């Protein structure tokens, strides 16, 4: 009996929270304006998702932020040669 009461109270609470979330009190924002930069950003994000975290780190730090491989190698605690290889692999995926 107690379990049924608690279950029903929980379900009622969930339903009321769902109703509150569906009601938006403010004005709706306009749709975002699409431009060519958005396509480039989306493409870059899709490429980065395919890379492993180490490849992504080496690629972004060296190719995008122009950090030398000796400094890049300190972050994941790898050799500079292995970071060069990771960045090369990442470039070939892109």
PDB file of N, CA and C in Angstrom:
ATOM      1  N   UNK A   1       0.819  -1.185   0.000  1.00  0.00           N
ATOM      2  CA  UNK A   1       0.000   0.000   0.000  1.00  0.00           C
ATOM      3  C   UNK A   1       0.871   1.261   0.000  1.00  0.00           C
ATOM      4  N   UNK A   2       1.864   1.319   0.877  1.00  0.00           N
ATOM      5  CA  UNK A   2       2.755   2.472   0.953  1.00  0.00           C
ATOM      6  C   UNK A   2       3.565   2.618  -0.342  1.00  0.00           C
ATOM      7  N   UNK A   3       4.021   1.494  -0.886  1.00  0.00           N
ATOM      8  CA  UNK A   3       4.790   1.537  -2.130  1.00  0.00           C
ATOM      9  C   UNK A   3       3.948   2.098  -3.261  1.00  0.00           C
ATOM     10  N   UNK A   4       2.673   1.731  -3.338  1.00  0.00           N
ATOM     11  CA  UNK A   4       1.800   2.224  -4.398  1.00  0.00           C
ATOM     12  C   UNK A   4       1.584   3.730  -4.254  1.00  0.00           C
ATOM     13  N   UNK A   5       1.407   4.211  -3.025  1.00  0.00           N
ATOM     14  CA  UNK A   5       1.199   5.636  -2.797  1.00  0.00           C
ATOM     15  C   UNK A   5       2.440   6.435  -3.201  1.00  0.00           C
ATOM     16  N   UNK A   6       3.614   5.958  -2.776  1.00  0.00           N
ATOM     17  CA  UNK A   6       4.862   6.650  -3.115  1.00  0.00           C
ATOM     18  C   UNK A   6       5.089   6.637  -4.618  1.00  0.00           C
ATOM     19  N   UNK A   7       4.817   5.509  -5.277  1.00  0.00           N
ATOM     20  CA  UNK A   7       4.982   5.408  -6.724  1.00  0.00           C
ATOM     21  C   UNK A   7       4.075   6.398  -7.441  1.00  0.00           C
ATOM     22  N   UNK A   8       2.828   6.481  -7.044  1.00  0.00           N
ATOM     23  CA  UNK A   8       1.886   7.404  -7.689  1.00  0.00           C
ATOM     24  C   UNK A   8       2.286   8.859  -7.449  1.00  0.00           C
ATOM     25  N   UNK A   9       2.740   9.163  -6.230  1.00  0.00           N
ATOM     26  CA  UNK A   9       3.208  10.524  -5.958  1.00  0.00           C
ATOM     27  C   UNK A   9       4.409  10.890  -6.834  1.00  0.00           C
ATOM     28  N   UNK A  10       5.330   9.945  -7.005  1.00  0.00           N
ATOM     29  CA  UNK A  10       6.502  10.181  -7.858  1.00  0.00           C
ATOM     30  C   UNK A  10       6.084  10.381  -9.313  1.00  0.00           C
ATOM     31  N   UNK A  11       5.184   9.560  -9.795  1.00  0.00           N
ATOM     32  CA  UNK A  11       4.703   9.712 -11.174  1.00  0.00           C
ATOM     33  C   UNK A  11       3.993  11.044 -11.367  1.00  0.00           C
ATOM     34  N   UNK A  12       3.196  11.466 -10.414  1.00  0.00           N
ATOM     35  CA  UNK A  12       2.536  12.765 -10.504  1.00  0.00           C
ATOM     36  C   UNK A  12       3.552  13.898 -10.530  1.00  0.00           C
ATOM     37  N   UNK A  13       4.601  13.779  -9.723  1.00  0.00           N
ATOM     38  CA  UNK A  13       5.644  14.805  -9.698  1.00  0.00           C
ATOM     39  C   UNK A  13       6.373  14.877 -11.041  1.00  0.00           C
ATOM     40  N   UNK A  14       6.686  13.726 -11.614  1.00  0.00           N
ATOM     41  CA  UNK A  14       7.364  13.697 -12.918  1.00  0.00           C
ATOM     42  C   UNK A  14       6.484  14.322 -13.983  1.00  0.00           C
ATOM     43  N   UNK A  15       5.213  13.998 -13.979  1.00  0.00           N
ATOM     44  CA  UNK A  15       4.294  14.564 -14.970  1.00  0.00           C
ATOM     45  C   UNK A  15       4.185  16.071 -14.815  1.00  0.00           C
ATOM     46  N   UNK A  16       4.122  16.553 -13.603  1.00  0.00           N
ATOM     47  CA  UNK A  16       4.004  18.001 -13.412  1.00  0.00           C
ATOM     48  C   UNK A  16       5.298  18.708 -13.821  1.00  0.00           C
ATOM     49  N   UNK A  17       6.450  18.102 -13.578  1.00  0.00           N
ATOM     50  CA  UNK A  17       7.724  18.695 -13.991  1.00  0.00           C
ATOM     51  C   UNK A  17       7.809  18.745 -15.509  1.00  0.00           C
ATOM     52  N   UNK A  18       7.300  17.718 -16.181  1.00  0.00           N
ATOM     53  CA  UNK A  18       7.319  17.686 -17.637  1.00  0.00           C
ATOM     54  C   UNK A  18       6.455  18.819 -18.194  1.00  0.00           C
ATOM     55  N   UNK A  19       5.308  19.055 -17.584  1.00  0.00           N
ATOM     56  CA  UNK A  19       4.432  20.130 -18.030  1.00  0.00           C
ATOM     57  C   UNK A  19       5.107  21.480 -17.827  1.00  0.00           C
ATOM     58  N   UNK A  20       5.783  21.654 -16.710  1.00  0.00           N
ATOM     59  CA  UNK A  20       6.477  22.919 -16.468  1.00  0.00           C
ATOM     60  C   UNK A  20       7.582  23.168 -17.490  1.00  0.00           C
ATOM     61  N   UNK A  21       8.299  22.119 -17.898  1.00  0.00           N
ATOM     62  CA  UNK A  21       9.370  22.281 -18.874  1.00  0.00           C
ATOM     63  C   UNK A  21       8.835  22.619 -20.249  1.00  0.00           C
ATOM     64  N   UNK A  22       7.634  22.164 -20.586  1.00  0.00           N
ATOM     65  CA  UNK A  22       7.091  22.401 -21.917  1.00  0.00           C
ATOM     66  C   UNK A  22       6.551  23.811 -22.085  1.00  0.00           C
ATOM     67  N   UNK A  23       6.268  24.508 -21.004  1.00  0.00           N
ATOM     68  CA  UNK A  23       5.748  25.867 -21.088  1.00  0.00           C
ATOM     69  C   UNK A  23       6.933  26.829 -21.052  1.00  0.00           C
ATOM     70  N   UNK A  24       7.103  27.569 -22.140  1.00  0.00           N
ATOM     71  CA  UNK A  24       8.202  28.523 -22.243  1.00  0.00           C
ATOM     72  C   UNK A  24       7.632  29.927 -22.055  1.00  0.00           C
ATOM     73  N   UNK A  25       8.021  30.631 -20.982  1.00  0.00           N
ATOM     74  CA  UNK A  25       7.398  31.917 -20.678  1.00  0.00           C
ATOM     75  C   UNK A  25       7.889  33.076 -21.547  1.00  0.00           C
ATOM     76  N   UNK A  26       9.065  32.954 -22.125  1.00  0.00           N
ATOM     77  CA  UNK A  26       9.643  34.067 -22.873  1.00  0.00           C
ATOM     78  C   UNK A  26       9.297  34.021 -24.348  1.00  0.00           C
ATOM     79  N   UNK A  27       9.891  34.947 -25.084  1.00  0.00           N
ATOM     80  CA  UNK A  27       9.695  34.971 -26.533  1.00  0.00           C
ATOM     81  C   UNK A  27      10.680  34.005 -27.166  1.00  0.00           C
ATOM     82  N   UNK A  28      10.281  33.403 -28.254  1.00  0.00           N
ATOM     83  CA  UNK A  28      11.146  32.462 -28.945  1.00  0.00           C
ATOM     84  C   UNK A  28      12.209  33.209 -29.708  1.00  0.00           C
ATOM     85  N   UNK A  29      13.401  32.641 -29.721  1.00  0.00           N
ATOM     86  CA  UNK A  29      14.511  33.246 -30.444  1.00  0.00           C
ATOM     87  C   UNK A  29      14.405  32.913 -31.917  1.00  0.00           C
ATOM     88  N   UNK A  30      14.879  33.780 -32.789  1.00  0.00           N
ATOM     89  CA  UNK A  30      14.832  33.480 -34.223  1.00  0.00           C
ATOM     90  C   UNK A  30      15.804  32.362 -34.572  1.00  0.00           C
ATOM     91  N   UNK A  31      15.582  31.741 -35.708  1.00  0.00           N
ATOM     92  CA  UNK A  31      16.485  30.700 -36.179  1.00  0.00           C
ATOM     93  C   UNK A  31      17.849  31.308 -36.458  1.00  0.00           C
ATOM     94  N   UNK A  32      18.934  30.566 -36.178  1.00  0.00           N
ATOM     95  CA  UNK A  32      20.271  31.113 -36.445  1.00  0.00           C
ATOM     96  C   UNK A  32      20.508  31.270 -37.945  1.00  0.00           C
ATOM     97  N   UNK A  33      21.256  32.293 -38.267  1.00  0.00           N
ATOM     98  CA  UNK A  33      21.602  32.554 -39.665  1.00  0.00           C
ATOM     99  C   UNK A  33      22.763  31.653 -40.034  1.00  0.00           C
ATOM    100  N   UNK A  34      22.615  30.917 -41.108  1.00  0.00           N
ATOM    101  CA  UNK A  34      23.687  30.023 -41.546  1.00  0.00           C
ATOM    102  C   UNK A  34      24.622  30.769 -42.480  1.00  0.00           C
ATOM    103  N   UNK A  35      25.907  30.507 -42.321  1.00  0.00           N
ATOM    104  CA  UNK A  35      26.885  31.061 -43.250  1.00  0.00           C
ATOM    105  C   UNK A  35      27.926  30.001 -43.551  1.00  0.00           C
ATOM    106  N   UNK A  36      28.887  30.353 -44.363  1.00  0.00           N
ATOM    107  CA  UNK A  36      29.889  29.387 -44.810  1.00  0.00           C
ATOM    108  C   UNK A  36      30.780  28.930 -43.655  1.00  0.00           C
ATOM    109  N   UNK A  37      31.002  29.776 -42.648  1.00  0.00           N
ATOM    110  CA  UNK A  37      31.844  29.405 -41.517  1.00  0.00           C
ATOM    111  C   UNK A  37      31.230  28.261 -40.719  1.00  0.00           C
ATOM    112  N   UNK A  38      29.891  28.222 -40.641  1.00  0.00           N
ATOM    113  CA  UNK A  38      29.229  27.142 -39.910  1.00  0.00           C
ATOM    114  C   UNK A  38      29.503  25.797 -40.561  1.00  0.00           C
ATOM    115  N   UNK A  39      29.515  25.757 -41.900  1.00  0.00           N
ATOM    116  CA  UNK A  39      29.810  24.507 -42.601  1.00  0.00           C
ATOM    117  C   UNK A  39      31.226  24.039 -42.298  1.00  0.00           C
ATOM    118  N   UNK A  40      32.160  24.977 -42.271  1.00  0.00           N
ATOM    119  CA  UNK A  40      33.551  24.640 -41.975  1.00  0.00           C
ATOM    120  C   UNK A  40      33.691  24.150 -40.537  1.00  0.00           C
ATOM    121  N   UNK A  41      33.016  24.803 -39.613  1.00  0.00           N
ATOM    122  CA  UNK A  41      33.073  24.406 -38.208  1.00  0.00           C
ATOM    123  C   UNK A  41      32.495  23.012 -38.019  1.00  0.00           C
ATOM    124  N   UNK A  42      31.366  22.738 -38.649  1.00  0.00           N
ATOM    125  CA  UNK A  42      30.744  21.420 -38.541  1.00  0.00           C
ATOM    126  C   UNK A  42      31.653  20.345 -39.125  1.00  0.00           C
ATOM    127  N   UNK A  43      32.274  20.633 -40.249  1.00  0.00           N
ATOM    128  CA  UNK A  43      33.183  19.671 -40.875  1.00  0.00           C
ATOM    129  C   UNK A  43      34.370  19.382 -39.967  1.00  0.00           C
ATOM    130  N   UNK A  44      34.952  20.429 -39.377  1.00  0.00           N
ATOM    131  CA  UNK A  44      36.089  20.239 -38.481  1.00  0.00           C
ATOM    132  C   UNK A  44      35.682  19.423 -37.257  1.00  0.00           C
ATOM    133  N   UNK A  45      34.517  19.689 -36.699  1.00  0.00           N
ATOM    134  CA  UNK A  45      34.063  18.934 -35.536  1.00  0.00           C
ATOM    135  C   UNK A  45      33.847  17.458 -35.880  1.00  0.00           C
ATOM    136  N   UNK A  46      33.321  17.186 -37.069  1.00  0.00           N
ATOM    137  CA  UNK A  46      33.109  15.794 -37.468  1.00  0.00           C
ATOM    138  C   UNK A  46      34.437  15.069 -37.632  1.00  0.00           C
ATOM    139  N   UNK A  47      35.432  15.755 -38.171  1.00  0.00           N
ATOM    140  CA  UNK A  47      36.756  15.144 -38.327  1.00  0.00           C
ATOM    141  C   UNK A  47      37.374  14.895 -36.954  1.00  0.00           C
ATOM    142  N   UNK A  48      37.265  15.858 -36.051  1.00  0.00           N
ATOM    143  CA  UNK A  48      37.859  15.703 -34.721  1.00  0.00           C
ATOM    144  C   UNK A  48      37.214  14.577 -33.933  1.00  0.00           C
ATOM    145  N   UNK A  49      35.936  14.323 -34.161  1.00  0.00           N
ATOM    146  CA  UNK A  49      35.263  13.225 -33.454  1.00  0.00           C
ATOM    147  C   UNK A  49      35.806  11.864 -33.863  1.00  0.00           C
ATOM    148  N   UNK A  50      36.312  11.756 -35.093  1.00  0.00           N
ATOM    149  CA  UNK A  50      36.850  10.471 -35.550  1.00  0.00           C
ATOM    150  C   UNK A  50      38.234  10.179 -35.001  1.00  0.00           C
ATOM    151  N   UNK A  51      38.917  11.189 -34.487  1.00  0.00           N
ATOM    152  CA  UNK A  51      40.280  11.007 -33.987  1.00  0.00           C
ATOM    153  C   UNK A  51      40.265  10.509 -32.549  1.00  0.00           C
ATOM    154  N   UNK A  52      41.340   9.815 -32.187  1.00  0.00           N
ATOM    155  CA  UNK A  52      41.492   9.411 -30.792  1.00  0.00           C
ATOM    156  C   UNK A  52      41.856  10.652 -29.976  1.00  0.00           C
ATOM    157  N   UNK A  53      41.706  10.605 -28.660  1.00  0.00           N
ATOM    158  CA  UNK A  53      42.056  11.777 -27.852  1.00  0.00           C
ATOM    159  C   UNK A  53      43.517  12.216 -28.014  1.00  0.00           C
ATOM    160  N   UNK A  54      44.430  11.264 -28.135  1.00  0.00           N
ATOM    161  CA  UNK A  54      45.844  11.632 -28.314  1.00  0.00           C
ATOM    162  C   UNK A  54      46.084  12.260 -29.679  1.00  0.00           C
ATOM    163  N   UNK A  55      45.466  11.709 -30.724  1.00  0.00           N
ATOM    164  CA  UNK A  55      45.609  12.301 -32.060  1.00  0.00           C
ATOM    165  C   UNK A  55      45.020  13.705 -32.081  1.00  0.00           C
ATOM    166  N   UNK A  56      43.877  13.847 -31.455  1.00  0.00           N
ATOM    167  CA  UNK A  56      43.217  15.158 -31.401  1.00  0.00           C
ATOM    168  C   UNK A  56      44.099  16.176 -30.682  1.00  0.00           C
ATOM    169  N   UNK A  57      44.709  15.756 -29.576  1.00  0.00           N
ATOM    170  CA  UNK A  57      45.579  16.657 -28.815  1.00  0.00           C
ATOM    171  C   UNK A  57      46.772  17.098 -29.643  1.00  0.00           C
ATOM    172  N   UNK A  58      47.447  16.136 -30.245  1.00  0.00           N
ATOM    173  CA  UNK A  58      48.634  16.461 -31.037  1.00  0.00           C
ATOM    174  C   UNK A  58      48.277  17.337 -32.235  1.00  0.00           C
ATOM    175  N   UNK A  59      47.189  17.018 -32.910  1.00  0.00           N
ATOM    176  CA  UNK A  59      46.773  17.786 -34.089  1.00  0.00           C
ATOM    177  C   UNK A  59      46.406  19.219 -33.730  1.00  0.00           C
ATOM    178  N   UNK A  60      45.571  19.386 -32.724  1.00  0.00           N
ATOM    179  CA  UNK A  60      45.122  20.735 -32.366  1.00  0.00           C
ATOM    180  C   UNK A  60      46.264  21.587 -31.825  1.00  0.00           C
ATOM    181  N   UNK A  61      47.053  21.027 -30.915  1.00  0.00           N
ATOM    182  CA  UNK A  61      48.121  21.830 -30.331  1.00  0.00           C
ATOM    183  C   UNK A  61      49.174  22.218 -31.361  1.00  0.00           C
ATOM    184  N   UNK A  62      49.572  21.277 -32.214  1.00  0.00           N
ATOM    185  CA  UNK A  62      50.640  21.590 -33.156  1.00  0.00           C
ATOM    186  C   UNK A  62      50.128  22.340 -34.380  1.00  0.00           C
ATOM    187  N   UNK A  63      49.115  21.816 -35.043  1.00  0.00           N
ATOM    188  CA  UNK A  63      48.688  22.398 -36.314  1.00  0.00           C
ATOM    189  C   UNK A  63      47.817  23.644 -36.140  1.00  0.00           C
ATOM    190  N   UNK A  64      46.995  23.658 -35.115  1.00  0.00           N
ATOM    191  CA  UNK A  64      46.081  24.785 -34.951  1.00  0.00           C
ATOM    192  C   UNK A  64      46.705  25.879 -34.081  1.00  0.00           C
ATOM    193  N   UNK A  65      47.288  25.480 -32.933  1.00  0.00           N
ATOM    194  CA  UNK A  65      47.830  26.470 -32.013  1.00  0.00           C
ATOM    195  C   UNK A  65      49.337  26.675 -32.144  1.00  0.00           C
ATOM    196  N   UNK A  66      49.962  25.988 -33.089  1.00  0.00           N
ATOM    197  CA  UNK A  66      51.378  26.174 -33.421  1.00  0.00           C
ATOM    198  C   UNK A  66      52.313  25.960 -32.226  1.00  0.00           C
ATOM    199  N   UNK A  67      52.039  24.913 -31.437  1.00  0.00           N
ATOM    200  CA  UNK A  67      52.904  24.535 -30.322  1.00  0.00           C
ATOM    201  C   UNK A  67      53.892  23.497 -30.845  1.00  0.00           C
ATOM    202  N   UNK A  68      55.185  23.634 -30.485  1.00  0.00           N
ATOM    203  CA  UNK A  68      56.157  22.673 -31.009  1.00  0.00           C
ATOM    204  C   UNK A  68      55.958  21.297 -30.360  1.00  0.00           C
ATOM    205  N   UNK A  69      56.470  20.268 -31.024  1.00  0.00           N
ATOM    206  CA  UNK A  69      56.214  18.898 -30.588  1.00  0.00           C
ATOM    207  C   UNK A  69      56.833  18.566 -29.229  1.00  0.00           C
ATOM    208  N   UNK A  70      57.906  19.249 -28.859  1.00  0.00           N
ATOM    209  CA  UNK A  70      58.506  19.006 -27.550  1.00  0.00           C
ATOM    210  C   UNK A  70      57.530  19.398 -26.433  1.00  0.00           C
ATOM    211  N   UNK A  71      56.845  20.519 -26.622  1.00  0.00           N
ATOM    212  CA  UNK A  71      55.857  20.950 -25.625  1.00  0.00           C
ATOM    213  C   UNK A  71      54.600  20.092 -25.687  1.00  0.00           C
ATOM    214  N   UNK A  72      54.205  19.705 -26.887  1.00  0.00           N
ATOM    215  CA  UNK A  72      53.031  18.843 -27.039  1.00  0.00           C
ATOM    216  C   UNK A  72      53.279  17.509 -26.341  1.00  0.00           C
ATOM    217  N   UNK A  73      54.500  16.991 -26.443  1.00  0.00           N
ATOM    218  CA  UNK A  73      54.834  15.680 -25.880  1.00  0.00           C
ATOM    219  C   UNK A  73      54.752  15.676 -24.355  1.00  0.00           C
ATOM    220  N   UNK A  74      54.932  16.829 -23.718  1.00  0.00           N
ATOM    221  CA  UNK A  74      54.863  16.884 -22.256  1.00  0.00           C
ATOM    222  C   UNK A  74      53.443  16.669 -21.733  1.00  0.00           C
ATOM    223  N   UNK A  75      52.458  17.072 -22.498  1.00  0.00           N
ATOM    224  CA  UNK A  75      51.074  16.998 -22.013  1.00  0.00           C
ATOM    225  C   UNK A  75      50.601  15.552 -21.865  1.00  0.00           C
ATOM    226  N   UNK A  76      50.680  14.712 -22.917  1.00  0.00           N
ATOM    227  CA  UNK A  76      50.267  13.314 -22.717  1.00  0.00           C
ATOM    228  C   UNK A  76      51.385  12.414 -22.212  1.00  0.00           C
ATOM    229  N   UNK A  77      52.564  13.009 -21.896  1.00  0.00           N
ATOM    230  CA  UNK A  77      53.717  12.261 -21.414  1.00  0.00           C
ATOM    231  C   UNK A  77      54.160  11.217 -22.444  1.00  0.00           C
ATOM    232  N   UNK A  78      54.418  11.690 -23.651  1.00  0.00           N
ATOM    233  CA  UNK A  78      54.891  10.860 -24.768  1.00  0.00           C
ATOM    234  C   UNK A  78      56.181  11.431 -25.327  1.00  0.00           C
ATOM    235  N   UNK A  79      56.801  10.678 -26.237  1.00  0.00           N
ATOM    236  CA  UNK A  79      57.978  11.170 -26.943  1.00  0.00           C
ATOM    237  C   UNK A  79      57.542  12.154 -28.027  1.00  0.00           C
ATOM    238  N   UNK A  80      58.389  13.123 -28.352  1.00  0.00           N
ATOM    239  CA  UNK A  80      58.053  14.037 -29.452  1.00  0.00           C
ATOM    240  C   UNK A  80      57.844  13.299 -30.779  1.00  0.00           C
ATOM    241  N   UNK A  81      58.614  12.229 -30.998  1.00  0.00           N
ATOM    242  CA  UNK A  81      58.455  11.465 -32.243  1.00  0.00           C
ATOM    243  C   UNK A  81      57.077  10.807 -32.312  1.00  0.00           C
ATOM    244  N   UNK A  82      56.612  10.307 -31.185  1.00  0.00           N
ATOM    245  CA  UNK A  82      55.290   9.678 -31.196  1.00  0.00           C
ATOM    246  C   UNK A  82      54.197  10.727 -31.384  1.00  0.00           C
ATOM    247  N   UNK A  83      54.394  11.934 -30.863  1.00  0.00           N
ATOM    248  CA  UNK A  83      53.421  13.010 -31.082  1.00  0.00           C
ATOM    249  C   UNK A  83      53.419  13.453 -32.541  1.00  0.00           C
ATOM    250  N   UNK A  84      54.601  13.440 -33.170  1.00  0.00           N
ATOM    251  CA  UNK A  84      54.654  13.733 -34.616  1.00  0.00           C
ATOM    252  C   UNK A  84      53.849  12.713 -35.398  1.00  0.00           C
ATOM    253  N   UNK A  85      53.982  11.449 -35.006  1.00  0.00           N
ATOM    254  CA  UNK A  85      53.243  10.376 -35.676  1.00  0.00           C
ATOM    255  C   UNK A  85      51.735  10.525 -35.443  1.00  0.00           C
ATOM    256  N   UNK A  86      51.337  10.885 -34.226  1.00  0.00           N
ATOM    257  CA  UNK A  86      49.924  11.085 -33.928  1.00  0.00           C
ATOM    258  C   UNK A  86      49.341  12.219 -34.769  1.00  0.00           C
ATOM    259  N   UNK A  87      50.081  13.316 -34.873  1.00  0.00           N
ATOM    260  CA  UNK A  87      49.613  14.444 -35.678  1.00  0.00           C
ATOM    261  C   UNK A  87      49.549  14.072 -37.156  1.00  0.00           C
ATOM    262  N   UNK A  88      50.508  13.293 -37.615  1.00  0.00           N
ATOM    263  CA  UNK A  88      50.506  12.856 -39.006  1.00  0.00           C
ATOM    264  C   UNK A  88      49.297  11.969 -39.296  1.00  0.00           C
ATOM    265  N   UNK A  89      48.997  11.053 -38.381  1.00  0.00           N
ATOM    266  CA  UNK A  89      47.817  10.189 -38.523  1.00  0.00           C
ATOM    267  C   UNK A  89      46.541  11.024 -38.540  1.00  0.00           C
ATOM    268  N   UNK A  90      46.496  12.039 -37.690  1.00  0.00           N
ATOM    269  CA  UNK A  90      45.316  12.902 -37.631  1.00  0.00           C
ATOM    270  C   UNK A  90      45.148  13.684 -38.933  1.00  0.00           C
ATOM    271  N   UNK A  91      46.260  14.144 -39.502  1.00  0.00           N
ATOM    272  CA  UNK A  91      46.187  14.874 -40.780  1.00  0.00           C
ATOM    273  C   UNK A  91      45.686  13.975 -41.901  1.00  0.00           C
ATOM    274  N   UNK A  92      46.079  12.718 -41.869  1.00  0.00           N
ATOM    275  CA  UNK A  92      45.653  11.806 -42.933  1.00  0.00           C
ATOM    276  C   UNK A  92      44.153  11.492 -42.830  1.00  0.00           C
ATOM    277  N   UNK A  93      43.599  11.541 -41.609  1.00  0.00           N
ATOM    278  CA  UNK A  93      42.153  11.350 -41.448  1.00  0.00           C
ATOM    279  C   UNK A  93      41.380  12.565 -41.915  1.00  0.00           C
ATOM    280  N   UNK A  94      42.012  13.722 -41.792  1.00  0.00           N
ATOM    281  CA  UNK A  94      41.323  14.957 -42.194  1.00  0.00           C
ATOM    282  C   UNK A  94      41.401  15.078 -43.662  1.00  0.00           C
TER     283      UNK A  94
END
